[in-house]
Amino acid sequence: MPGRWLTLYARSRQVPASLVALVISAAAMRALAGGGAQGFGDGRLPVLVLATGVMAASIGFSGQDLALDRTAAIRWVPRRAAHVLLAGAVVAAVLLAVQGAGTPVGTSMAVTEFVVRDSAGLTGLAALGAAFSGGRYAWTLPFAWLSFTFFAPAATSTATRVATWMLLPAGSAAGTWTALLLLGVGTAAYAFAGPRR
């Protein structure tokens, strides 16, 4: 019975279509990178792939019937939180798997910490977008922040480092804390409030 519930839930949240979009974007990144990290040392391409995956997954942050989501006799808070966390984990895992497939050691485009951090922060942004704008428009917050980050000036102050957290190197305190804060706030807002009508 739990397996059937999960299958129905995944279908209603368009998980298969989101997975296809994620795998295609990750494979395209691999092809563009040409098997190495040359030319993509600033992390823009991996961040673009992560954002694409998160935006595809965010469509599933609301179901087919919002009234049913709010009135069903099940506990939605843990399910919503698990959905957000699982979406972020899958996005990171797919990118790491695709970039690691057949790549010589030491030539991957993005280190694991960078991928996990950015996937977490972007997923939190999408969850926040779902809470404020509904699942249909949950992608707008990650897209807007990504667009700003690509054209923002160099990170020289704490404020600009926080604003451009997606492109900061792995291990950067500003990048890590910003991503964790976004994940925590976004997950909590979406889990407790659900998608906006």
C-alpha atoms as a PDB file:
ATOM      1  CA  MET A   1       0.000   0.000   0.000  1.00  0.00           C
ATOM      2  CA  PRO A   2       2.755   2.577   0.801  1.00  0.00           C
ATOM      3  CA  GLY A   3       4.348   1.839  -2.589  1.00  0.00           C
ATOM      4  CA  ARG A   4       1.094   2.613  -4.391  1.00  0.00           C
ATOM      5  CA  TRP A   5       0.681   5.843  -2.430  1.00  0.00           C
ATOM      6  CA  LEU A   6       4.206   6.925  -3.359  1.00  0.00           C
ATOM      7  CA  THR A   7       3.606   6.137  -7.025  1.00  0.00           C
ATOM      8  CA  LEU A   8       0.396   8.159  -7.081  1.00  0.00           C
ATOM      9  CA  TYR A   9       2.050  11.007  -5.195  1.00  0.00           C
ATOM     10  CA  ALA A  10       4.996  11.058  -7.613  1.00  0.00           C
ATOM     11  CA  ARG A  11       2.678  11.130 -10.624  1.00  0.00           C
ATOM     12  CA  SER A  12       0.518  13.898  -9.189  1.00  0.00           C
ATOM     13  CA  ARG A  13       3.653  15.968  -8.507  1.00  0.00           C
ATOM     14  CA  GLN A  14       5.025  15.401 -12.026  1.00  0.00           C
ATOM     15  CA  VAL A  15       8.168  13.740 -10.676  1.00  0.00           C
ATOM     16  CA  PRO A  16       8.865  11.653 -13.825  1.00  0.00           C
ATOM     17  CA  ALA A  17       8.816  14.744 -16.072  1.00  0.00           C
ATOM     18  CA  SER A  18      11.017  16.650 -13.625  1.00  0.00           C
ATOM     19  CA  LEU A  19      13.539  13.800 -13.572  1.00  0.00           C
ATOM     20  CA  VAL A  20      13.696  13.721 -17.365  1.00  0.00           C
ATOM     21  CA  ALA A  21      14.327  17.494 -17.478  1.00  0.00           C
ATOM     22  CA  LEU A  22      17.033  17.166 -14.818  1.00  0.00           C
ATOM     23  CA  VAL A  23      18.868  14.329 -16.570  1.00  0.00           C
ATOM     24  CA  ILE A  24      18.727  16.111 -19.938  1.00  0.00           C
ATOM     25  CA  SER A  25      20.138  19.339 -18.474  1.00  0.00           C
ATOM     26  CA  ALA A  26      22.912  17.462 -16.648  1.00  0.00           C
ATOM     27  CA  ALA A  27      23.818  15.519 -19.800  1.00  0.00           C
ATOM     28  CA  ALA A  28      23.871  18.751 -21.797  1.00  0.00           C
ATOM     29  CA  MET A  29      26.247  20.244 -19.223  1.00  0.00           C
ATOM     30  CA  ARG A  30      28.523  17.244 -19.568  1.00  0.00           C
ATOM     31  CA  ALA A  31      28.556  17.649 -23.343  1.00  0.00           C
ATOM     32  CA  LEU A  32      29.223  21.392 -23.149  1.00  0.00           C
ATOM     33  CA  ALA A  33      32.050  20.887 -20.679  1.00  0.00           C
ATOM     34  CA  GLY A  34      33.745  18.458 -23.042  1.00  0.00           C
ATOM     35  CA  GLY A  35      34.748  16.093 -20.257  1.00  0.00           C
ATOM     36  CA  GLY A  36      36.791  18.611 -18.292  1.00  0.00           C
ATOM     37  CA  ALA A  37      36.574  21.725 -16.215  1.00  0.00           C
ATOM     38  CA  GLN A  38      38.384  24.051 -18.611  1.00  0.00           C
ATOM     39  CA  GLY A  39      36.491  27.290 -19.085  1.00  0.00           C
ATOM     40  CA  PHE A  40      33.995  26.630 -16.295  1.00  0.00           C
ATOM     41  CA  GLY A  41      36.156  27.209 -13.248  1.00  0.00           C
ATOM     42  CA  ASP A  42      33.822  29.847 -11.820  1.00  0.00           C
ATOM     43  CA  GLY A  43      30.993  27.338 -11.386  1.00  0.00           C
ATOM     44  CA  ARG A  44      28.454  29.020 -13.666  1.00  0.00           C
ATOM     45  CA  LEU A  45      27.621  25.923 -15.691  1.00  0.00           C
ATOM     46  CA  PRO A  46      27.068  23.590 -12.705  1.00  0.00           C
ATOM     47  CA  VAL A  47      24.950  26.274 -11.005  1.00  0.00           C
ATOM     48  CA  LEU A  48      22.890  26.657 -14.170  1.00  0.00           C
ATOM     49  CA  VAL A  49      22.272  22.905 -14.261  1.00  0.00           C
ATOM     50  CA  LEU A  50      21.356  22.829 -10.563  1.00  0.00           C
ATOM     51  CA  ALA A  51      18.971  25.745 -10.999  1.00  0.00           C
ATOM     52  CA  THR A  52      17.360  24.062 -14.014  1.00  0.00           C
ATOM     53  CA  GLY A  53      16.880  20.867 -12.022  1.00  0.00           C
ATOM     54  CA  VAL A  54      15.432  22.685  -9.014  1.00  0.00           C
ATOM     55  CA  MET A  55      13.099  24.731 -11.213  1.00  0.00           C
ATOM     56  CA  ALA A  56      11.875  21.533 -12.888  1.00  0.00           C
ATOM     57  CA  ALA A  57      11.332  19.870  -9.499  1.00  0.00           C
ATOM     58  CA  SER A  58       9.552  22.923  -8.094  1.00  0.00           C
ATOM     59  CA  ILE A  59       6.597  22.348 -10.398  1.00  0.00           C
ATOM     60  CA  GLY A  60       5.728  19.411  -8.151  1.00  0.00           C
ATOM     61  CA  PHE A  61       5.542  21.568  -5.033  1.00  0.00           C
ATOM     62  CA  SER A  62       1.789  21.768  -5.588  1.00  0.00           C
ATOM     63  CA  GLY A  63      -0.557  19.013  -6.615  1.00  0.00           C
ATOM     64  CA  GLN A  64      -3.432  18.859  -9.042  1.00  0.00           C
ATOM     65  CA  ASP A  65      -5.949  19.979  -6.414  1.00  0.00           C
ATOM     66  CA  LEU A  66      -4.861  22.505  -3.776  1.00  0.00           C
ATOM     67  CA  ALA A  67      -8.061  22.041  -1.805  1.00  0.00           C
ATOM     68  CA  LEU A  68      -7.312  18.327  -1.499  1.00  0.00           C
ATOM     69  CA  ASP A  69      -3.762  19.101  -0.382  1.00  0.00           C
ATOM     70  CA  ARG A  70      -5.133  21.215   2.443  1.00  0.00           C
ATOM     71  CA  THR A  71      -8.011  19.008   3.586  1.00  0.00           C
ATOM     72  CA  ALA A  72      -6.780  15.421   3.174  1.00  0.00           C
ATOM     73  CA  ALA A  73      -6.692  13.446   6.383  1.00  0.00           C
ATOM     74  CA  ILE A  74      -2.928  12.986   6.377  1.00  0.00           C
ATOM     75  CA  ARG A  75      -0.139  14.947   8.016  1.00  0.00           C
ATOM     76  CA  TRP A  76       1.140  17.228   5.267  1.00  0.00           C
ATOM     77  CA  VAL A  77       3.911  19.023   7.181  1.00  0.00           C
ATOM     78  CA  PRO A  78       6.399  16.110   7.273  1.00  0.00           C
ATOM     79  CA  ARG A  79       5.493  15.052   3.733  1.00  0.00           C
ATOM     80  CA  ARG A  80       6.069  18.532   2.347  1.00  0.00           C
ATOM     81  CA  ALA A  81       9.379  18.880   4.194  1.00  0.00           C
ATOM     82  CA  ALA A  82      10.508  15.453   2.966  1.00  0.00           C
ATOM     83  CA  HIS A  83       9.511  16.373  -0.604  1.00  0.00           C
ATOM     84  CA  VAL A  84      11.670  19.518  -0.526  1.00  0.00           C
ATOM     85  CA  LEU A  85      14.679  17.761   0.992  1.00  0.00           C
ATOM     86  CA  LEU A  86      14.401  14.788  -1.354  1.00  0.00           C
ATOM     87  CA  ALA A  87      14.095  17.064  -4.403  1.00  0.00           C
ATOM     88  CA  GLY A  88      17.296  18.887  -3.418  1.00  0.00           C
ATOM     89  CA  ALA A  89      19.131  15.615  -2.786  1.00  0.00           C
ATOM     90  CA  VAL A  90      18.092  14.133  -6.138  1.00  0.00           C
ATOM     91  CA  VAL A  91      19.125  17.272  -8.055  1.00  0.00           C
ATOM     92  CA  ALA A  92      22.573  17.183  -6.438  1.00  0.00           C
ATOM     93  CA  ALA A  93      22.941  13.414  -6.907  1.00  0.00           C
ATOM     94  CA  VAL A  94      22.080  13.510 -10.608  1.00  0.00           C
ATOM     95  CA  LEU A  95      24.597  16.273 -11.324  1.00  0.00           C
ATOM     96  CA  LEU A  96      27.336  14.493  -9.361  1.00  0.00           C
ATOM     97  CA  ALA A  97      26.587  11.189 -11.100  1.00  0.00           C
ATOM     98  CA  VAL A  98      26.573  12.686 -14.585  1.00  0.00           C
ATOM     99  CA  GLN A  99      29.725  14.741 -14.109  1.00  0.00           C
ATOM    100  CA  GLY A 100      31.519  11.787 -12.509  1.00  0.00           C
ATOM    101  CA  ALA A 101      30.640   9.287 -15.234  1.00  0.00           C
ATOM    102  CA  GLY A 102      33.812   8.594 -17.163  1.00  0.00           C
ATOM    103  CA  THR A 103      35.563  11.757 -16.008  1.00  0.00           C
ATOM    104  CA  PRO A 104      39.222  11.336 -15.066  1.00  0.00           C
ATOM    105  CA  VAL A 105      40.028  11.960 -11.413  1.00  0.00           C
ATOM    106  CA  GLY A 106      40.687  15.619 -10.678  1.00  0.00           C
ATOM    107  CA  THR A 107      38.825  17.034 -13.683  1.00  0.00           C
ATOM    108  CA  SER A 108      35.255  17.335 -12.392  1.00  0.00           C
ATOM    109  CA  MET A 109      33.647  20.721 -12.873  1.00  0.00           C
ATOM    110  CA  ALA A 110      32.233  21.120  -9.387  1.00  0.00           C
ATOM    111  CA  VAL A 111      33.228  19.578  -6.081  1.00  0.00           C
ATOM    112  CA  THR A 112      30.624  17.722  -4.042  1.00  0.00           C
ATOM    113  CA  GLU A 113      30.410  20.388  -1.326  1.00  0.00           C
ATOM    114  CA  PHE A 114      29.709  23.081  -3.926  1.00  0.00           C
ATOM    115  CA  VAL A 115      26.985  21.007  -5.607  1.00  0.00           C
ATOM    116  CA  VAL A 116      25.287  20.025  -2.338  1.00  0.00           C
ATOM    117  CA  ARG A 117      25.404  23.589  -0.980  1.00  0.00           C
ATOM    118  CA  ASP A 118      23.946  25.169  -4.111  1.00  0.00           C
ATOM    119  CA  SER A 119      21.330  22.472  -4.558  1.00  0.00           C
ATOM    120  CA  ALA A 120      20.199  22.990  -0.952  1.00  0.00           C
ATOM    121  CA  GLY A 121      19.973  26.764  -1.246  1.00  0.00           C
ATOM    122  CA  LEU A 122      18.209  26.709  -4.608  1.00  0.00           C
ATOM    123  CA  THR A 123      15.709  24.130  -3.361  1.00  0.00           C
ATOM    124  CA  GLY A 124      14.989  26.305  -0.335  1.00  0.00           C
ATOM    125  CA  LEU A 125      14.361  29.244  -2.657  1.00  0.00           C
ATOM    126  CA  ALA A 126      11.955  27.163  -4.740  1.00  0.00           C
ATOM    127  CA  ALA A 127      10.088  26.030  -1.624  1.00  0.00           C
ATOM    128  CA  LEU A 128       9.835  29.644  -0.497  1.00  0.00           C
ATOM    129  CA  GLY A 129       8.554  30.536  -3.962  1.00  0.00           C
ATOM    130  CA  ALA A 130       5.881  27.827  -3.693  1.00  0.00           C
ATOM    131  CA  ALA A 131       4.763  29.117  -0.292  1.00  0.00           C
ATOM    132  CA  PHE A 132       4.466  32.698  -1.574  1.00  0.00           C
ATOM    133  CA  SER A 133       3.432  32.209  -5.210  1.00  0.00           C
ATOM    134  CA  GLY A 134       2.161  28.640  -5.531  1.00  0.00           C
ATOM    135  CA  GLY A 135       3.780  25.640  -7.177  1.00  0.00           C
ATOM    136  CA  ARG A 136       3.169  27.001 -10.658  1.00  0.00           C
ATOM    137  CA  TYR A 137       5.456  29.975  -9.978  1.00  0.00           C
ATOM    138  CA  ALA A 138       7.849  28.398  -7.472  1.00  0.00           C
ATOM    139  CA  TRP A 139      10.637  28.565 -10.068  1.00  0.00           C
ATOM    140  CA  THR A 140      10.656  32.376 -10.106  1.00  0.00           C
ATOM    141  CA  LEU A 141      12.760  32.899  -6.957  1.00  0.00           C
ATOM    142  CA  PRO A 142      15.616  30.567  -7.977  1.00  0.00           C
ATOM    143  CA  PHE A 143      15.541  32.020 -11.488  1.00  0.00           C
ATOM    144  CA  ALA A 144      15.601  35.627 -10.292  1.00  0.00           C
ATOM    145  CA  TRP A 145      18.460  35.042  -7.840  1.00  0.00           C
ATOM    146  CA  LEU A 146      20.419  33.068 -10.433  1.00  0.00           C
ATOM    147  CA  SER A 147      19.989  35.872 -12.980  1.00  0.00           C
ATOM    148  CA  PHE A 148      21.163  38.460 -10.459  1.00  0.00           C
ATOM    149  CA  THR A 149      24.149  36.319  -9.483  1.00  0.00           C
ATOM    150  CA  PHE A 150      25.339  35.956 -13.072  1.00  0.00           C
ATOM    151  CA  PHE A 151      25.425  39.722 -13.591  1.00  0.00           C
ATOM    152  CA  ALA A 152      26.322  40.923 -10.086  1.00  0.00           C
ATOM    153  CA  PRO A 153      29.610  42.741  -9.450  1.00  0.00           C
ATOM    154  CA  ALA A 154      32.517  40.880  -7.881  1.00  0.00           C
ATOM    155  CA  ALA A 155      31.959  39.786  -4.280  1.00  0.00           C
ATOM    156  CA  THR A 156      34.020  42.244  -2.236  1.00  0.00           C
ATOM    157  CA  SER A 157      31.867  42.826   0.845  1.00  0.00           C
ATOM    158  CA  THR A 158      29.803  40.572   3.082  1.00  0.00           C
ATOM    159  CA  ALA A 159      26.597  41.772   1.426  1.00  0.00           C
ATOM    160  CA  THR A 160      27.826  40.979  -2.078  1.00  0.00           C
ATOM    161  CA  ARG A 161      29.170  37.608  -0.931  1.00  0.00           C
ATOM    162  CA  VAL A 162      25.734  36.756   0.475  1.00  0.00           C
ATOM    163  CA  ALA A 163      24.051  38.012  -2.708  1.00  0.00           C
ATOM    164  CA  THR A 164      26.341  35.911  -4.926  1.00  0.00           C
ATOM    165  CA  TRP A 165      26.495  32.854  -2.668  1.00  0.00           C
ATOM    166  CA  MET A 166      25.848  30.471  -5.585  1.00  0.00           C
ATOM    167  CA  LEU A 167      29.210  31.168  -7.217  1.00  0.00           C
ATOM    168  CA  LEU A 168      31.362  31.363  -4.097  1.00  0.00           C
ATOM    169  CA  PRO A 169      33.936  28.578  -3.799  1.00  0.00           C
ATOM    170  CA  ALA A 170      33.217  25.525  -1.690  1.00  0.00           C
ATOM    171  CA  GLY A 171      34.017  26.110   1.960  1.00  0.00           C
ATOM    172  CA  SER A 172      33.021  29.788   1.883  1.00  0.00           C
ATOM    173  CA  ALA A 173      31.228  30.625   5.135  1.00  0.00           C
ATOM    174  CA  ALA A 174      28.954  33.217   3.486  1.00  0.00           C
ATOM    175  CA  GLY A 175      27.908  30.757   0.784  1.00  0.00           C
ATOM    176  CA  THR A 176      27.323  27.874   3.179  1.00  0.00           C
ATOM    177  CA  TRP A 177      25.330  29.851   5.741  1.00  0.00           C
ATOM    178  CA  THR A 178      23.235  31.606   3.099  1.00  0.00           C
ATOM    179  CA  ALA A 179      22.331  28.271   1.463  1.00  0.00           C
ATOM    180  CA  LEU A 180      21.487  26.687   4.835  1.00  0.00           C
ATOM    181  CA  LEU A 181      19.339  29.657   5.831  1.00  0.00           C
ATOM    182  CA  LEU A 182      17.463  29.567   2.520  1.00  0.00           C
ATOM    183  CA  LEU A 183      16.924  25.816   2.829  1.00  0.00           C
ATOM    184  CA  GLY A 184      15.680  26.083   6.410  1.00  0.00           C
ATOM    185  CA  VAL A 185      13.364  29.049   5.879  1.00  0.00           C
ATOM    186  CA  GLY A 186      12.042  27.765   2.558  1.00  0.00           C
ATOM    187  CA  THR A 187      11.390  24.253   3.825  1.00  0.00           C
ATOM    188  CA  ALA A 188       9.658  25.502   6.972  1.00  0.00           C
ATOM    189  CA  ALA A 189       7.490  28.001   5.072  1.00  0.00           C
ATOM    190  CA  TYR A 190       6.426  25.426   2.512  1.00  0.00           C
ATOM    191  CA  ALA A 191       5.941  22.594   5.021  1.00  0.00           C
ATOM    192  CA  PHE A 192       3.709  24.605   7.346  1.00  0.00           C
ATOM    193  CA  ALA A 193       1.903  26.907   4.900  1.00  0.00           C
ATOM    194  CA  GLY A 194       1.832  24.683   1.829  1.00  0.00           C
ATOM    195  CA  PRO A 195       1.671  26.085  -1.695  1.00  0.00           C
ATOM    196  CA  ARG A 196      -0.218  29.306  -2.122  1.00  0.00           C
ATOM    197  CA  ARG A 197      -3.554  29.049  -3.930  1.00  0.00           C
END
